[in-house]
N, C-alpha and C. Protein backbone atom coordinates (compact mmCIF):
# COMPACT_ATOMS: atom_id res chain seq x y z
N UNK A 1 -12.22 -15.24 -11.76
CA UNK A 1 -12.64 -16.53 -12.25
C UNK A 1 -13.89 -16.34 -13.10
N UNK A 2 -13.92 -17.01 -14.23
CA UNK A 2 -15.04 -16.91 -15.16
C UNK A 2 -16.22 -17.71 -14.63
N UNK A 3 -17.31 -17.00 -14.27
CA UNK A 3 -18.47 -17.68 -13.70
C UNK A 3 -19.12 -18.64 -14.68
N UNK A 4 -19.13 -18.26 -15.97
CA UNK A 4 -19.73 -19.15 -16.97
C UNK A 4 -18.96 -20.47 -17.05
N UNK A 5 -17.63 -20.39 -16.96
CA UNK A 5 -16.81 -21.60 -16.96
C UNK A 5 -17.17 -22.48 -15.77
N UNK A 6 -17.33 -21.87 -14.61
CA UNK A 6 -17.67 -22.64 -13.41
C UNK A 6 -19.01 -23.35 -13.60
N UNK A 7 -20.00 -22.66 -14.13
CA UNK A 7 -21.32 -23.28 -14.35
C UNK A 7 -21.25 -24.38 -15.39
N UNK A 8 -20.48 -24.16 -16.46
CA UNK A 8 -20.32 -25.19 -17.49
C UNK A 8 -19.65 -26.44 -16.92
N UNK A 9 -18.60 -26.23 -16.13
CA UNK A 9 -17.91 -27.36 -15.52
C UNK A 9 -18.79 -28.07 -14.50
N UNK A 10 -19.61 -27.30 -13.78
CA UNK A 10 -20.54 -27.90 -12.82
C UNK A 10 -21.51 -28.83 -13.53
N UNK A 11 -22.04 -28.38 -14.66
CA UNK A 11 -22.97 -29.21 -15.42
C UNK A 11 -22.26 -30.46 -15.93
N UNK A 12 -21.04 -30.30 -16.40
CA UNK A 12 -20.28 -31.45 -16.91
C UNK A 12 -20.02 -32.48 -15.82
N UNK A 13 -19.84 -32.01 -14.59
CA UNK A 13 -19.54 -32.90 -13.46
C UNK A 13 -20.79 -33.51 -12.83
N UNK A 14 -21.95 -33.05 -13.23
CA UNK A 14 -23.18 -33.60 -12.66
C UNK A 14 -23.76 -32.76 -11.55
N UNK A 15 -23.39 -31.50 -11.45
CA UNK A 15 -23.96 -30.61 -10.46
C UNK A 15 -22.89 -29.84 -9.70
N UNK A 16 -23.35 -28.79 -9.04
CA UNK A 16 -22.43 -27.90 -8.33
C UNK A 16 -21.73 -28.63 -7.18
N UNK A 17 -22.46 -29.46 -6.44
CA UNK A 17 -21.85 -30.15 -5.31
C UNK A 17 -20.74 -31.08 -5.79
N UNK A 18 -21.02 -31.88 -6.82
CA UNK A 18 -20.00 -32.81 -7.32
C UNK A 18 -18.79 -32.05 -7.87
N UNK A 19 -19.06 -30.95 -8.57
CA UNK A 19 -17.96 -30.13 -9.09
C UNK A 19 -17.10 -29.60 -7.95
N UNK A 20 -17.75 -29.10 -6.90
CA UNK A 20 -17.04 -28.54 -5.75
C UNK A 20 -16.19 -29.61 -5.07
N UNK A 21 -16.73 -30.81 -4.92
CA UNK A 21 -15.98 -31.91 -4.31
C UNK A 21 -14.77 -32.26 -5.15
N UNK A 22 -14.96 -32.37 -6.47
CA UNK A 22 -13.85 -32.69 -7.36
C UNK A 22 -12.78 -31.60 -7.30
N UNK A 23 -13.20 -30.36 -7.36
CA UNK A 23 -12.26 -29.24 -7.33
C UNK A 23 -11.49 -29.23 -6.01
N UNK A 24 -12.20 -29.37 -4.90
CA UNK A 24 -11.56 -29.36 -3.58
C UNK A 24 -10.57 -30.52 -3.44
N UNK A 25 -10.98 -31.69 -3.89
CA UNK A 25 -10.11 -32.87 -3.78
C UNK A 25 -8.84 -32.67 -4.61
N UNK A 26 -8.98 -32.17 -5.82
CA UNK A 26 -7.81 -32.00 -6.69
C UNK A 26 -6.89 -30.91 -6.16
N UNK A 27 -7.45 -29.81 -5.67
CA UNK A 27 -6.62 -28.75 -5.09
C UNK A 27 -5.82 -29.30 -3.92
N UNK A 28 -6.48 -30.08 -3.08
CA UNK A 28 -5.81 -30.70 -1.93
C UNK A 28 -4.64 -31.56 -2.40
N UNK A 29 -4.86 -32.35 -3.46
CA UNK A 29 -3.79 -33.19 -3.99
C UNK A 29 -2.62 -32.35 -4.51
N UNK A 30 -2.94 -31.28 -5.25
CA UNK A 30 -1.89 -30.42 -5.81
C UNK A 30 -1.09 -29.73 -4.71
N UNK A 31 -1.77 -29.25 -3.68
CA UNK A 31 -1.09 -28.59 -2.57
C UNK A 31 -0.14 -29.56 -1.87
N UNK A 32 -0.52 -30.81 -1.82
CA UNK A 32 0.32 -31.83 -1.17
C UNK A 32 1.40 -32.39 -2.09
N UNK A 33 1.53 -31.80 -3.30
CA UNK A 33 2.65 -32.17 -4.16
C UNK A 33 2.35 -33.06 -5.35
N UNK A 34 1.08 -33.36 -5.61
CA UNK A 34 0.75 -34.19 -6.77
C UNK A 34 1.17 -33.45 -8.05
N UNK A 35 1.63 -34.18 -9.05
CA UNK A 35 2.05 -33.53 -10.30
C UNK A 35 0.85 -33.02 -11.10
N UNK A 36 1.08 -31.98 -11.89
CA UNK A 36 0.04 -31.47 -12.79
C UNK A 36 -0.24 -32.52 -13.85
N UNK A 37 -1.48 -32.59 -14.28
CA UNK A 37 -1.86 -33.53 -15.33
C UNK A 37 -1.98 -32.85 -16.69
N UNK A 38 -1.70 -31.55 -16.72
CA UNK A 38 -1.71 -30.79 -17.96
C UNK A 38 -0.44 -29.96 -18.03
N UNK A 39 -0.08 -29.57 -19.25
CA UNK A 39 1.04 -28.65 -19.42
C UNK A 39 0.52 -27.24 -19.18
N UNK A 40 1.03 -26.59 -18.15
CA UNK A 40 0.58 -25.24 -17.82
C UNK A 40 1.65 -24.59 -16.95
N UNK A 41 1.86 -23.30 -17.18
CA UNK A 41 2.89 -22.59 -16.42
C UNK A 41 2.38 -22.07 -15.08
N UNK A 42 1.09 -22.16 -14.83
CA UNK A 42 0.51 -21.64 -13.60
C UNK A 42 1.01 -22.42 -12.38
N UNK A 43 1.13 -21.70 -11.26
CA UNK A 43 1.48 -22.36 -10.00
C UNK A 43 0.31 -22.33 -9.03
N UNK A 44 -0.80 -21.69 -9.44
CA UNK A 44 -1.99 -21.58 -8.60
C UNK A 44 -2.76 -22.90 -8.66
N UNK A 45 -2.88 -23.63 -7.53
CA UNK A 45 -3.55 -24.93 -7.56
C UNK A 45 -5.02 -24.85 -7.99
N UNK A 46 -5.68 -23.74 -7.68
CA UNK A 46 -7.08 -23.59 -8.10
C UNK A 46 -7.16 -23.49 -9.61
N UNK A 47 -6.30 -22.67 -10.18
CA UNK A 47 -6.27 -22.49 -11.62
C UNK A 47 -5.93 -23.81 -12.32
N UNK A 48 -4.95 -24.51 -11.80
CA UNK A 48 -4.54 -25.79 -12.39
C UNK A 48 -5.69 -26.80 -12.33
N UNK A 49 -6.33 -26.91 -11.18
CA UNK A 49 -7.43 -27.87 -11.02
C UNK A 49 -8.58 -27.55 -11.97
N UNK A 50 -8.92 -26.26 -12.10
CA UNK A 50 -9.98 -25.87 -13.03
C UNK A 50 -9.63 -26.25 -14.47
N UNK A 51 -8.39 -26.01 -14.85
CA UNK A 51 -7.96 -26.34 -16.21
C UNK A 51 -7.94 -27.86 -16.42
N UNK A 52 -7.58 -28.62 -15.41
CA UNK A 52 -7.60 -30.07 -15.53
C UNK A 52 -9.03 -30.59 -15.69
N UNK A 53 -9.96 -30.02 -14.94
CA UNK A 53 -11.36 -30.42 -15.08
C UNK A 53 -11.87 -30.06 -16.47
N UNK A 54 -11.55 -28.84 -16.93
CA UNK A 54 -11.98 -28.38 -18.26
C UNK A 54 -11.40 -29.28 -19.35
N UNK A 55 -10.16 -29.75 -19.16
CA UNK A 55 -9.52 -30.61 -20.15
C UNK A 55 -10.04 -32.04 -20.10
N UNK A 56 -10.79 -32.36 -19.05
CA UNK A 56 -11.35 -33.70 -18.93
C UNK A 56 -10.36 -34.76 -18.47
N UNK A 57 -9.26 -34.33 -17.85
CA UNK A 57 -8.25 -35.31 -17.42
C UNK A 57 -8.50 -35.85 -16.02
N UNK A 58 -9.44 -35.26 -15.29
CA UNK A 58 -9.82 -35.80 -13.99
C UNK A 58 -11.34 -35.85 -13.91
N UNK A 59 -11.82 -36.83 -13.18
CA UNK A 59 -13.25 -37.00 -12.97
C UNK A 59 -13.48 -37.41 -11.52
N UNK A 60 -14.66 -37.18 -11.06
CA UNK A 60 -15.03 -37.60 -9.71
C UNK A 60 -15.50 -39.04 -9.79
N UNK A 61 -14.87 -39.90 -9.01
CA UNK A 61 -15.31 -41.29 -9.00
C UNK A 61 -16.68 -41.36 -8.35
N UNK A 62 -17.41 -42.37 -8.71
CA UNK A 62 -18.76 -42.52 -8.16
C UNK A 62 -18.67 -42.77 -6.66
N UNK A 63 -19.29 -41.91 -5.89
CA UNK A 63 -19.27 -42.04 -4.44
C UNK A 63 -20.56 -42.68 -3.95
N UNK A 64 -20.44 -43.42 -2.88
CA UNK A 64 -21.62 -44.01 -2.27
C UNK A 64 -22.40 -42.91 -1.55
N UNK A 65 -23.67 -43.12 -1.29
CA UNK A 65 -24.44 -42.13 -0.53
C UNK A 65 -23.81 -41.82 0.83
N UNK A 66 -23.22 -42.83 1.47
CA UNK A 66 -22.57 -42.61 2.77
C UNK A 66 -21.36 -41.70 2.62
N UNK A 67 -20.58 -41.89 1.56
CA UNK A 67 -19.41 -41.04 1.32
C UNK A 67 -19.83 -39.60 1.03
N UNK A 68 -20.90 -39.43 0.28
CA UNK A 68 -21.41 -38.09 -0.02
C UNK A 68 -21.88 -37.42 1.26
N UNK A 69 -22.61 -38.15 2.10
CA UNK A 69 -23.07 -37.60 3.38
C UNK A 69 -21.90 -37.19 4.26
N UNK A 70 -20.84 -38.00 4.27
CA UNK A 70 -19.66 -37.68 5.07
C UNK A 70 -18.99 -36.41 4.55
N UNK A 71 -18.89 -36.26 3.23
CA UNK A 71 -18.31 -35.05 2.65
C UNK A 71 -19.14 -33.82 3.00
N UNK A 72 -20.45 -33.95 2.91
CA UNK A 72 -21.33 -32.82 3.26
C UNK A 72 -21.13 -32.44 4.73
N UNK A 73 -21.10 -33.45 5.60
CA UNK A 73 -20.92 -33.18 7.03
C UNK A 73 -19.57 -32.50 7.28
N UNK A 74 -18.55 -32.97 6.61
CA UNK A 74 -17.23 -32.38 6.77
C UNK A 74 -17.22 -30.92 6.32
N UNK A 75 -17.87 -30.64 5.19
CA UNK A 75 -17.92 -29.27 4.70
C UNK A 75 -18.72 -28.38 5.66
N UNK A 76 -19.80 -28.91 6.23
CA UNK A 76 -20.59 -28.15 7.19
C UNK A 76 -19.77 -27.85 8.45
N UNK A 77 -18.98 -28.82 8.91
CA UNK A 77 -18.14 -28.62 10.08
C UNK A 77 -17.07 -27.56 9.81
N UNK A 78 -16.48 -27.60 8.61
CA UNK A 78 -15.47 -26.61 8.26
C UNK A 78 -16.08 -25.21 8.22
N UNK A 79 -17.27 -25.09 7.67
CA UNK A 79 -17.94 -23.80 7.62
C UNK A 79 -18.25 -23.30 9.02
N UNK A 80 -18.74 -24.18 9.87
CA UNK A 80 -19.04 -23.79 11.26
C UNK A 80 -17.78 -23.37 12.00
N UNK A 81 -16.70 -24.11 11.79
CA UNK A 81 -15.44 -23.78 12.46
C UNK A 81 -14.93 -22.42 11.99
N UNK A 82 -15.02 -22.15 10.70
CA UNK A 82 -14.59 -20.85 10.17
C UNK A 82 -15.45 -19.73 10.74
N UNK A 83 -16.73 -19.98 10.87
CA UNK A 83 -17.63 -18.98 11.43
C UNK A 83 -17.29 -18.69 12.89
N UNK A 84 -17.03 -19.74 13.65
CA UNK A 84 -16.66 -19.55 15.05
C UNK A 84 -15.35 -18.77 15.18
N UNK A 85 -14.38 -19.10 14.35
CA UNK A 85 -13.11 -18.38 14.39
C UNK A 85 -13.30 -16.91 14.04
N UNK A 86 -14.12 -16.64 13.04
CA UNK A 86 -14.36 -15.25 12.63
C UNK A 86 -15.01 -14.47 13.77
N UNK A 87 -15.98 -15.08 14.45
CA UNK A 87 -16.64 -14.40 15.58
C UNK A 87 -15.65 -14.17 16.72
N UNK A 88 -14.81 -15.16 16.97
CA UNK A 88 -13.84 -15.05 18.04
C UNK A 88 -12.82 -13.95 17.75
N UNK A 89 -12.35 -13.90 16.51
CA UNK A 89 -11.37 -12.88 16.12
C UNK A 89 -11.98 -11.49 16.18
N UNK A 90 -13.24 -11.37 15.81
CA UNK A 90 -13.90 -10.07 15.85
C UNK A 90 -14.12 -9.61 17.29
N UNK A 91 -14.35 -10.57 18.19
CA UNK A 91 -14.62 -10.24 19.59
C UNK A 91 -13.41 -9.80 20.37
N UNK A 92 -12.25 -10.32 20.02
CA UNK A 92 -11.04 -9.92 20.73
C UNK A 92 -9.83 -10.08 19.80
N UNK A 93 -8.94 -9.14 19.84
CA UNK A 93 -7.76 -9.21 18.98
C UNK A 93 -6.79 -10.27 19.47
N UNK A 94 -5.93 -10.69 18.60
CA UNK A 94 -4.88 -11.64 18.98
C UNK A 94 -5.17 -13.04 18.51
N UNK A 95 -4.47 -13.97 19.06
CA UNK A 95 -4.57 -15.38 18.67
C UNK A 95 -5.93 -15.95 19.09
N UNK A 96 -6.68 -16.51 18.13
CA UNK A 96 -7.98 -17.08 18.51
C UNK A 96 -7.82 -18.42 19.23
N UNK A 97 -8.72 -18.69 20.13
CA UNK A 97 -8.73 -19.96 20.84
C UNK A 97 -9.44 -21.00 19.98
N UNK A 98 -9.03 -22.22 20.08
CA UNK A 98 -9.71 -23.29 19.36
C UNK A 98 -10.68 -24.04 20.26
N UNK A 99 -10.83 -23.59 21.49
CA UNK A 99 -11.72 -24.27 22.42
C UNK A 99 -13.16 -24.23 21.93
N UNK A 100 -13.60 -23.09 21.38
CA UNK A 100 -14.97 -22.99 20.89
C UNK A 100 -15.22 -23.98 19.76
N UNK A 101 -14.22 -24.16 18.89
CA UNK A 101 -14.37 -25.10 17.79
C UNK A 101 -14.44 -26.53 18.34
N UNK A 102 -13.58 -26.87 19.26
CA UNK A 102 -13.59 -28.21 19.84
C UNK A 102 -14.93 -28.49 20.53
N UNK A 103 -15.43 -27.50 21.28
CA UNK A 103 -16.72 -27.67 21.94
C UNK A 103 -17.83 -27.88 20.92
N UNK A 104 -17.81 -27.10 19.85
CA UNK A 104 -18.85 -27.22 18.83
C UNK A 104 -18.81 -28.61 18.18
N UNK A 105 -17.62 -29.06 17.80
CA UNK A 105 -17.50 -30.35 17.11
C UNK A 105 -17.90 -31.50 18.03
N UNK A 106 -17.64 -31.37 19.32
CA UNK A 106 -18.07 -32.41 20.27
C UNK A 106 -19.59 -32.45 20.39
N UNK A 107 -20.23 -31.29 20.27
CA UNK A 107 -21.68 -31.22 20.45
C UNK A 107 -22.44 -31.66 19.21
N UNK A 108 -21.78 -31.72 18.03
CA UNK A 108 -22.53 -32.12 16.82
C UNK A 108 -22.53 -33.58 16.57
């Protein structure tokens, strides 16, 4: 991935956080079957979403401060859950338990 493109698109979107939210939201839509908004032969949802942002066919709607806080909290929870799973997998081979994640999410 071209880092300069990412920085340029971040600036166009109003910052790295807003760009990341837009990219994540669009990838999620594409994975769930939303049609492409550009003509492109790629099947990679990340590539498609980046090209759609670059083409200016999608934008992040103005979010309220509460919605932004909720997105940040959600991203922090996902990061924490991934970290817990990684530690659990490193500690013992096999299927990881989700109990640690459930306990963590209940405590936050």
